[in-house]
Protein backbone atom coordinates (compact mmCIF):
# COMPACT_ATOMS: atom_id res chain seq x y z
CA MET A 1 0.00 0.00 0.00
CA THR A 2 1.18 3.54 -0.76
CA THR A 3 1.73 6.17 1.93
CA PHE A 4 -1.38 8.01 0.73
CA GLU A 5 -3.50 4.84 0.97
CA LEU A 6 -2.21 4.13 4.47
CA SER A 7 -2.98 7.71 5.51
CA VAL A 8 -6.55 7.45 4.18
CA ARG A 9 -6.99 4.05 5.85
CA PHE A 10 -5.73 5.44 9.17
CA PHE A 11 -8.61 7.91 9.48
CA LEU A 12 -11.13 5.16 8.73
CA GLN A 13 -9.43 2.92 11.32
CA LEU A 14 -9.53 5.68 13.89
CA ALA A 15 -13.23 6.32 13.25
CA ALA A 16 -13.99 2.60 13.61
CA VAL A 17 -11.91 2.38 16.78
CA LEU A 18 -13.65 5.35 18.39
CA VAL A 19 -17.13 4.09 17.50
CA VAL A 20 -16.51 0.59 18.88
CA CYS A 21 -14.81 1.98 22.00
CA ARG A 22 -17.76 4.28 22.70
CA LEU A 23 -20.30 1.49 22.23
CA VAL A 24 -18.44 -1.06 24.35
CA CYS A 25 -17.66 1.56 27.01
CA TRP A 26 -21.36 2.48 27.17
CA VAL A 27 -22.22 -1.17 27.81
CA ALA A 28 -19.40 -1.50 30.38
CA VAL A 29 -20.54 1.58 32.30
CA ARG A 30 -24.13 0.29 32.28
CA PHE A 31 -22.81 -2.80 34.09
CA GLY A 32 -20.95 -0.69 36.65
CA GLN A 33 -17.52 -1.00 35.06
CA PRO A 34 -15.04 1.86 34.47
CA PRO A 35 -14.53 2.96 30.83
CA VAL A 36 -11.05 1.43 30.71
CA VAL A 37 -12.65 -2.03 30.94
CA GLY A 38 -14.77 -1.27 27.88
CA GLU A 39 -11.71 -0.03 25.98
CA MET A 40 -9.75 -3.19 26.84
CA ILE A 41 -12.62 -5.34 25.60
CA ALA A 42 -13.08 -3.15 22.49
CA GLY A 43 -9.49 -3.90 21.53
CA VAL A 44 -10.20 -7.63 21.65
CA VAL A 45 -13.50 -7.15 19.76
CA LEU A 46 -11.75 -5.50 16.79
CA GLY A 47 -8.85 -7.96 16.81
CA PRO A 48 -8.51 -11.44 15.34
CA SER A 49 -10.19 -13.02 18.37
CA LEU A 50 -13.68 -11.75 17.44
CA PHE A 51 -13.96 -9.46 14.40
CA GLY A 52 -11.15 -11.32 12.64
CA TYR A 53 -12.64 -14.69 13.56
CA PHE A 54 -16.11 -14.02 12.12
CA CYS A 55 -15.16 -11.57 9.34
CA PRO A 56 -11.48 -12.25 8.56
CA GLN A 57 -11.44 -10.60 5.12
CA LEU A 58 -13.18 -7.44 6.34
CA GLN A 59 -10.90 -7.28 9.39
CA GLN A 60 -7.80 -7.57 7.19
CA LEU A 61 -9.20 -4.92 4.85
CA LEU A 62 -9.72 -2.49 7.73
CA PHE A 63 -6.51 -3.34 9.60
CA PRO A 64 -3.94 -4.52 7.03
CA ALA A 65 -0.53 -5.55 8.31
CA ALA A 66 1.08 -2.58 6.53
CA SER A 67 -0.88 -0.17 8.75
CA ARG A 68 0.45 -1.60 12.03
CA PRO A 69 3.45 0.79 12.24
CA ILE A 70 1.14 3.81 11.97
CA LEU A 71 -1.17 2.46 14.68
CA PHE A 72 1.86 1.68 16.82
CA SER A 73 3.24 5.23 16.47
CA GLY A 74 -0.09 6.79 17.37
CA ALA A 75 -0.42 4.44 20.32
CA GLN A 76 3.05 5.41 21.56
CA VAL A 77 2.19 9.11 21.52
CA GLY A 78 -1.02 8.36 23.41
CA LEU A 79 0.85 6.24 25.96
CA ALA A 80 3.49 8.89 26.54
CA LEU A 81 0.85 11.57 27.15
CA TYR A 82 -1.18 9.25 29.38
CA MET A 83 1.78 8.14 31.49
CA PHE A 84 2.76 11.79 31.85
CA THR A 85 -0.65 12.48 33.41
CA VAL A 86 -0.21 9.41 35.66
CA GLY A 87 3.06 10.93 36.83
CA LEU A 88 1.25 14.20 37.55
CA GLU A 89 -1.11 12.23 39.85
CA PHE A 90 1.72 10.49 41.69
CA ARG A 91 1.67 11.87 45.26
CA ILE A 92 4.55 11.08 47.58
CA ASP A 93 2.64 12.60 50.53
CA LEU A 94 0.13 9.73 50.35
CA VAL A 95 2.96 7.26 50.76
CA ARG A 96 4.22 9.13 53.81
CA SER A 97 0.79 9.44 55.45
CA ARG A 98 0.27 5.68 55.84
CA LEU A 99 3.84 4.51 55.41
CA ARG A 100 3.85 1.44 57.70
CA SER A 101 0.66 -0.14 56.38
CA ALA A 102 1.38 0.97 52.82
CA LEU A 103 4.82 -0.62 52.87
CA ALA A 104 3.48 -3.88 54.33
CA ILE A 105 0.56 -4.08 51.87
CA SER A 106 2.73 -3.06 48.93
CA ALA A 107 5.49 -5.53 49.86
CA SER A 108 2.93 -8.34 50.11
CA GLY A 109 1.22 -7.22 46.91
CA ILE A 110 4.56 -7.31 45.09
CA LEU A 111 6.45 -10.23 46.60
CA VAL A 112 3.67 -12.84 46.67
CA PRO A 113 2.39 -12.39 43.08
CA PHE A 114 5.97 -11.86 41.92
CA ALA A 115 7.00 -15.19 43.47
CA LEU A 116 3.95 -16.94 42.02
CA GLY A 117 4.62 -15.39 38.62
CA CYS A 118 8.23 -16.55 38.76
CA GLY A 119 7.06 -20.07 39.59
CA VAL A 120 4.59 -20.08 36.71
CA ALA A 121 7.28 -18.78 34.35
CA TRP A 122 9.70 -21.50 35.43
CA VAL A 123 7.11 -24.20 34.65
CA LEU A 124 6.08 -22.65 31.32
CA LEU A 125 9.68 -22.05 30.23
CA ASN A 126 10.40 -25.77 30.51
CA ARG A 127 7.31 -26.64 28.42
CA GLY A 128 8.16 -24.35 25.51
CA GLY A 129 5.80 -22.36 23.30
CA PHE A 130 5.17 -19.59 25.84
CA PHE A 131 8.44 -17.67 25.72
CA ALA A 132 10.29 -16.74 22.56
CA ALA A 133 13.23 -18.85 21.42
CA GLY A 134 16.47 -17.84 23.08
CA VAL A 135 14.83 -16.25 26.12
CA THR A 136 16.64 -17.38 29.26
CA ALA A 137 15.22 -18.06 32.71
CA ILE A 138 16.93 -14.90 33.99
CA GLN A 139 14.83 -12.90 31.53
CA ALA A 140 11.56 -14.87 31.51
CA VAL A 141 11.17 -15.41 35.27
CA PRO A 142 11.41 -11.76 36.46
CA PHE A 143 9.34 -10.54 33.50
CA MET A 144 6.48 -12.86 34.43
CA GLY A 145 6.86 -11.86 38.08
CA ALA A 146 6.60 -8.16 37.20
CA ALA A 147 3.59 -8.81 34.94
CA MET A 148 1.79 -10.57 37.81
CA ALA A 149 2.74 -7.91 40.38
CA ILE A 150 1.59 -4.80 38.47
CA THR A 151 -1.43 -2.78 39.64
CA ALA A 152 -3.75 -0.55 37.58
CA PHE A 153 -2.69 2.54 39.53
CA PRO A 154 -4.46 5.12 37.27
CA MET A 155 -7.75 3.19 37.45
CA LEU A 156 -7.33 2.71 41.19
CA ALA A 157 -6.82 6.46 41.63
CA ARG A 158 -9.87 7.25 39.50
CA ILE A 159 -12.18 4.90 41.46
CA ILE A 160 -11.01 6.40 44.75
CA PHE A 161 -11.48 9.96 43.48
CA GLU A 162 -14.95 9.28 42.03
CA ARG A 163 -16.03 7.62 45.28
CA GLY A 164 -14.78 10.54 47.37
CA LEU A 165 -12.43 8.25 49.30
CA SER A 166 -9.19 10.23 48.91
CA GLY A 167 -9.19 11.22 52.58
CA THR A 168 -10.18 7.81 53.96
CA THR A 169 -8.03 4.99 55.23
CA VAL A 170 -8.84 2.70 52.32
CA GLY A 171 -8.19 5.48 49.82
CA ALA A 172 -4.86 6.56 51.29
CA LEU A 173 -3.70 2.97 51.75
CA ALA A 174 -4.65 1.85 48.25
CA LEU A 175 -3.07 4.88 46.56
CA ALA A 176 0.13 4.68 48.61
CA ALA A 177 0.49 0.90 48.22
CA GLY A 178 -0.38 1.06 44.52
CA ALA A 179 2.22 3.77 43.90
CA ILE A 180 4.98 1.78 45.63
CA ASP A 181 3.82 -1.42 43.94
CA ASP A 182 3.94 -0.06 40.42
CA ALA A 183 7.26 1.72 40.98
CA ALA A 184 8.81 -1.60 42.04
CA ALA A 185 7.23 -3.55 39.17
CA TRP A 186 8.43 -1.02 36.60
CA GLY A 187 11.89 -1.15 38.18
CA VAL A 188 12.00 -4.92 37.70
CA LEU A 189 10.81 -4.53 34.11
CA ALA A 190 13.55 -1.98 33.46
CA LEU A 191 16.15 -4.49 34.67
CA VAL A 192 14.66 -7.23 32.47
CA LEU A 193 14.74 -4.96 29.41
CA ALA A 194 18.29 -3.92 30.24
CA SER A 195 19.41 -7.56 30.37
CA PHE A 196 17.67 -8.53 27.15
CA GLY A 197 20.34 -7.09 24.87
CA ARG A 198 22.77 -9.83 25.96
CA ASP A 199 25.41 -7.13 26.13
CA PRO A 200 26.58 -5.92 29.56
CA TRP A 201 27.17 -2.44 28.20
CA ILE A 202 23.52 -2.23 27.11
CA ALA A 203 22.46 -3.13 30.67
CA ILE A 204 24.91 -0.61 32.12
CA LEU A 205 23.63 2.07 29.75
CA ALA A 206 19.99 1.32 30.60
CA ILE A 207 20.43 1.13 34.37
CA GLY A 208 23.03 3.90 34.65
CA GLY A 209 21.23 6.10 32.13
CA SER A 210 17.91 5.77 33.93
CA ALA A 211 19.55 6.57 37.30
CA VAL A 212 21.19 9.69 35.84
CA PHE A 213 17.87 10.68 34.25
CA VAL A 214 15.91 10.40 37.51
CA VAL A 215 18.58 12.25 39.52
CA PHE A 216 18.70 15.01 36.89
CA LEU A 217 14.90 15.35 36.80
CA PHE A 218 14.51 15.72 40.56
CA THR A 219 17.42 18.18 40.94
CA LEU A 220 18.24 20.48 38.03
CA GLY A 221 15.19 19.30 36.10
CA ARG A 222 12.82 20.48 38.82
CA LYS A 223 14.44 23.92 38.68
CA ILE A 224 13.88 24.08 34.91
CA LEU A 225 10.30 22.90 35.35
CA GLY A 226 9.85 25.47 38.12
CA VAL A 227 10.85 28.26 35.73
CA ILE A 228 8.27 27.01 33.21
CA VAL A 229 5.57 26.84 35.89
CA ARG A 230 6.33 30.38 37.09
CA HIS A 231 6.23 31.63 33.50
CA ALA A 232 2.81 30.00 33.06
CA ALA A 233 1.44 31.97 36.03
CA ARG A 234 1.88 35.30 34.22
CA GLY A 235 -1.14 34.95 31.95
CA ASP A 236 -3.03 32.90 29.39
CA THR A 237 -0.56 33.52 26.55
CA GLU A 238 2.40 32.61 28.74
CA GLU A 239 0.56 29.49 29.92
CA ARG A 240 0.14 28.28 26.33
CA VAL A 241 3.84 28.89 25.69
CA ALA A 242 4.71 27.00 28.87
CA MET A 243 2.55 24.07 27.82
CA GLY A 244 4.40 23.95 24.51
CA TRP A 245 7.74 23.71 26.30
CA VAL A 246 6.41 20.97 28.58
CA MET A 247 5.43 18.99 25.48
CA VAL A 248 8.96 19.44 24.11
CA LEU A 249 10.42 18.11 27.37
CA LEU A 250 7.94 15.22 27.34
CA MET A 251 8.98 14.14 23.85
CA LEU A 252 12.66 14.46 24.79
CA ALA A 253 12.13 12.40 27.96
CA ALA A 254 10.32 9.69 25.99
CA TRP A 255 13.05 9.73 23.31
CA TYR A 256 15.81 9.46 25.89
CA THR A 257 14.39 6.47 27.75
CA ASP A 258 13.73 4.74 24.41
CA THR A 259 17.30 5.48 23.33
CA ILE A 260 18.83 3.87 26.43
CA ARG A 261 16.83 0.71 25.62
CA LEU A 262 14.09 1.11 28.21
CA TYR A 263 10.71 2.40 27.06
CA ALA A 264 9.14 5.78 26.38
CA VAL A 265 6.61 5.42 29.20
CA PHE A 266 9.40 5.58 31.81
CA GLY A 267 10.54 9.01 30.69
CA ALA A 268 6.97 10.30 30.43
CA PHE A 269 6.01 9.06 33.91
CA PHE A 270 9.08 10.43 35.69
CA LEU A 271 8.74 13.82 33.99
CA GLY A 272 5.15 14.01 35.25
CA ALA A 273 6.21 12.99 38.77
CA ALA A 274 8.92 15.69 38.79
CA MET A 275 6.57 18.53 37.80
CA PRO A 276 6.11 21.07 40.64
CA ARG A 277 2.51 20.85 41.83
CA GLY A 278 0.19 23.81 41.54
CA PRO A 279 -2.60 25.37 39.46
CA PHE A 280 -0.63 25.02 36.19
CA VAL A 281 -0.24 21.26 36.65
CA THR A 282 -3.97 20.93 37.37
CA ARG A 283 -4.85 22.82 34.18
CA LEU A 284 -2.21 20.92 32.23
CA GLN A 285 -3.76 17.64 33.24
CA SER A 286 -7.28 18.86 32.46
CA MET A 287 -6.14 19.85 28.96
CA ILE A 288 -4.16 16.71 28.12
CA GLU A 289 -6.16 13.90 29.68
CA PRO A 290 -9.53 14.25 27.86
CA LEU A 291 -8.02 14.33 24.36
CA THR A 292 -5.53 11.58 25.19
CA THR A 293 -8.07 9.18 26.69
CA SER A 294 -10.75 9.91 24.07
CA LEU A 295 -8.65 9.95 20.89
CA LEU A 296 -5.11 8.56 21.21
CA LEU A 297 -5.21 5.98 23.99
CA PRO A 298 -7.88 3.83 22.25
CA LEU A 299 -5.26 3.22 19.54
CA PHE A 300 -3.16 1.40 22.12
CA PHE A 301 -6.06 -0.84 23.14
CA ILE A 302 -6.72 -1.67 19.49
CA TYR A 303 -3.04 -2.34 18.83
CA SER A 304 -3.07 -4.70 21.83
CA GLY A 305 -6.26 -6.32 20.55
CA LEU A 306 -4.71 -6.91 17.14
CA ASN A 307 -1.95 -8.88 18.89
CA THR A 308 -4.40 -10.85 21.05
CA ARG A 309 -5.48 -14.20 19.61
CA PHE A 310 -7.63 -16.26 21.93
CA ASP A 311 -7.87 -18.83 19.15
CA LEU A 312 -4.26 -19.73 20.02
CA VAL A 313 -5.53 -20.91 23.41
CA ASN A 314 -7.13 -23.82 21.61
CA ASP A 315 -6.82 -26.87 23.85
CA PRO A 316 -7.77 -27.79 27.44
CA VAL A 317 -4.16 -27.68 28.64
CA LEU A 318 -3.74 -24.07 27.54
CA TRP A 319 -7.02 -23.11 29.20
CA LEU A 320 -5.82 -24.80 32.38
CA VAL A 321 -2.68 -22.67 32.14
CA ALA A 322 -4.86 -19.56 31.70
CA ILE A 323 -6.97 -20.46 34.75
CA ALA A 324 -3.83 -21.21 36.80
CA VAL A 325 -2.34 -17.84 35.84
CA LEU A 326 -5.61 -16.08 36.77
CA ALA A 327 -5.83 -17.90 40.13
CA ALA A 328 -2.21 -17.08 40.96
CA ALA A 329 -2.81 -13.42 40.03
CA VAL A 330 -5.93 -13.06 42.19
CA LEU A 331 -4.69 -14.99 45.22
CA GLY A 332 -1.24 -13.47 45.03
CA LYS A 333 -2.44 -9.88 44.80
CA ALA A 334 -5.86 -9.56 46.48
CA GLY A 335 -5.21 -12.30 49.02
CA ALA A 336 -1.75 -11.09 50.02
CA CYS A 337 -2.85 -7.44 50.32
CA TYR A 338 -5.82 -8.45 52.48
CA VAL A 339 -3.65 -10.51 54.85
CA ALA A 340 -1.07 -7.72 55.11
CA GLY A 341 -3.77 -5.14 55.83
CA ARG A 342 -5.26 -7.25 58.60
CA ALA A 343 -1.81 -7.84 60.08
CA CYS A 344 -1.30 -4.06 60.23
CA GLY A 345 -4.53 -3.59 62.20
CA GLU A 346 -6.86 -2.53 59.40
CA THR A 347 -10.48 -3.67 59.57
CA HIS A 348 -11.71 -6.62 57.51
CA ARG A 349 -13.68 -4.28 55.26
CA GLU A 350 -10.80 -1.88 54.68
CA ALA A 351 -8.33 -4.69 54.01
CA MET A 352 -10.75 -6.28 51.55
CA GLY A 353 -11.33 -2.92 49.86
CA VAL A 354 -7.61 -2.36 49.36
CA GLY A 355 -7.14 -5.93 48.13
CA SER A 356 -9.94 -5.66 45.56
CA LEU A 357 -8.53 -2.40 44.16
CA MET A 358 -4.93 -3.63 44.09
CA ASN A 359 -6.00 -6.76 42.18
CA ALA A 360 -6.91 -4.82 39.02
CA ARG A 361 -4.23 -4.79 36.29
CA GLY A 362 -5.89 -2.60 33.66
CA LEU A 363 -3.90 -0.54 31.19
CA MET A 364 -0.61 -0.92 33.08
CA GLU A 365 -0.66 -4.67 32.49
CA LEU A 366 -1.27 -4.22 28.76
CA ILE A 367 1.70 -1.84 28.56
CA ILE A 368 4.00 -4.42 30.13
CA LEU A 369 2.64 -7.23 27.94
CA ASN A 370 3.08 -5.22 24.75
CA ILE A 371 6.65 -4.41 25.75
CA GLY A 372 7.29 -8.11 26.32
CA LEU A 373 5.78 -9.07 22.95
CA GLU A 374 7.55 -6.27 21.09
CA ARG A 375 10.93 -7.10 22.63
CA GLY A 376 10.53 -10.80 21.85
CA ILE A 377 10.24 -12.08 25.42
CA ILE A 378 6.81 -13.77 25.23
CA THR A 379 4.93 -15.50 22.41
CA PRO A 380 1.47 -14.48 21.13
CA THR A 381 0.04 -17.46 23.04
CA LEU A 382 1.30 -16.31 26.45
CA PHE A 383 0.45 -12.72 25.51
CA SER A 384 -3.18 -13.75 24.92
CA ILE A 385 -3.32 -15.71 28.20
CA LEU A 386 -2.00 -12.72 30.14
CA VAL A 387 -4.42 -10.35 28.39
CA PHE A 388 -7.21 -12.69 29.51
CA MET A 389 -5.89 -12.43 33.09
CA ALA A 390 -5.66 -8.63 32.84
CA ILE A 391 -9.24 -8.27 31.58
CA VAL A 392 -10.74 -10.62 34.19
CA THR A 393 -8.89 -9.08 37.17
CA THR A 394 -9.88 -5.61 35.99
CA LEU A 395 -13.50 -6.72 35.56
CA MET A 396 -13.46 -8.04 39.13
CA ALA A 397 -12.22 -4.85 40.78
CA THR A 398 -15.23 -2.53 40.64
CA PRO A 399 -17.94 -5.12 41.54
CA MET A 400 -15.81 -6.41 44.44
CA PHE A 401 -15.23 -2.89 45.72
CA ASN A 402 -18.85 -1.81 45.24
CA ARG A 403 -20.02 -4.87 47.17
CA LEU A 404 -17.87 -3.79 50.10
CA TYR A 405 -18.61 -0.08 49.89
CA ARG A 406 -22.25 0.94 49.67
CA GLU A 407 -23.22 4.36 50.86
CA SER A 408 -26.76 3.13 51.43
CA ASP A 409 -25.75 0.69 54.14
CA GLY A 410 -25.02 3.49 56.60
CA THR A 411 -21.36 2.62 57.13
CA ARG A 412 -18.29 4.47 55.92
CA PHE A 413 -14.60 3.77 55.81
CA ARG A 414 -12.62 5.51 58.50
CA ALA A 415 -11.02 8.85 57.69
CA ALA A 416 -7.29 8.54 57.13
CA ALA A 417 -5.13 9.51 60.06
């Protein structure tokens, strides 16, 4: 296909993606699910697992293989912008406010599912067909552990905000534990990606380069960002100029972390976390998030859906593997967080509330899985099994939490100390 044909096809693809996302999201919300659940399912609907299964020729006509790079590029821009807004929401003060319980819950929510994921990876690696050829245990085991340990922190934060629970024990605990949890899981993923080049200098560049980047951002970088924020406070025109410079820094941060063999989302997230908080950041988020989540981020869900093939999970053994992975994910995350919360003196209800929220994987899981597939760590079969786990655990989160927290029952979670 020519460049012109691909360009024309892209707009048709985007229109189809947005229509299906809106329809599936409407259904998801009607069943009490957050929109992200509908978008995850919409990706699978338009992929080979459903649309491609029943209408293979039409699906190939709409999403030809030659158009994948364009979809991928659009998805990367959407991811960078979205992870930047996640970084803007990252609040260290919430970690400090409930540090003891947050550390215990987060440690349990990381270590137990990580250990279970490592065990599953060890078994699957010996069977073959789940990890790409040439992938070693040192690479496969921690990757699977990180994939099992991740939490849907943005979705968790949104549920807590919409429920008005930011100042409650369950809200503070879940946000603090989720922040620590995801930071640790992304750190493990960074190490896995650094080791995958089979060249020690690549690992040194990735690990050393990321350390230098983070130190720079939170020292000199914060001063530069502070100048931009102060410039934005002078007026509307200056604020638009400041936003333009923030976008330049965002693209440079994403480029840098890609260049050192990590991933663009790392640079985007840390830049957002380093931004000085204030009115400009609030307006920045309100300007970026709606367009990103409504227009660009659905491209990532569709790109993930195009790589998801449930038809590859085509025998009872593979479905047993999928169920085992799901059980390990739920017990390792929700169960471990509940036990840790109870051990720290939290009530049964609060511990269960935190566990149900921490169990969701959401978009963060899909990001990790796409990185693993793109870098040649996992096969499409394991990718599809893990997408199944991500969708089911995310579907479980809101109903579980709503069952525990009903304003009509006359009880409330305690206010956070």
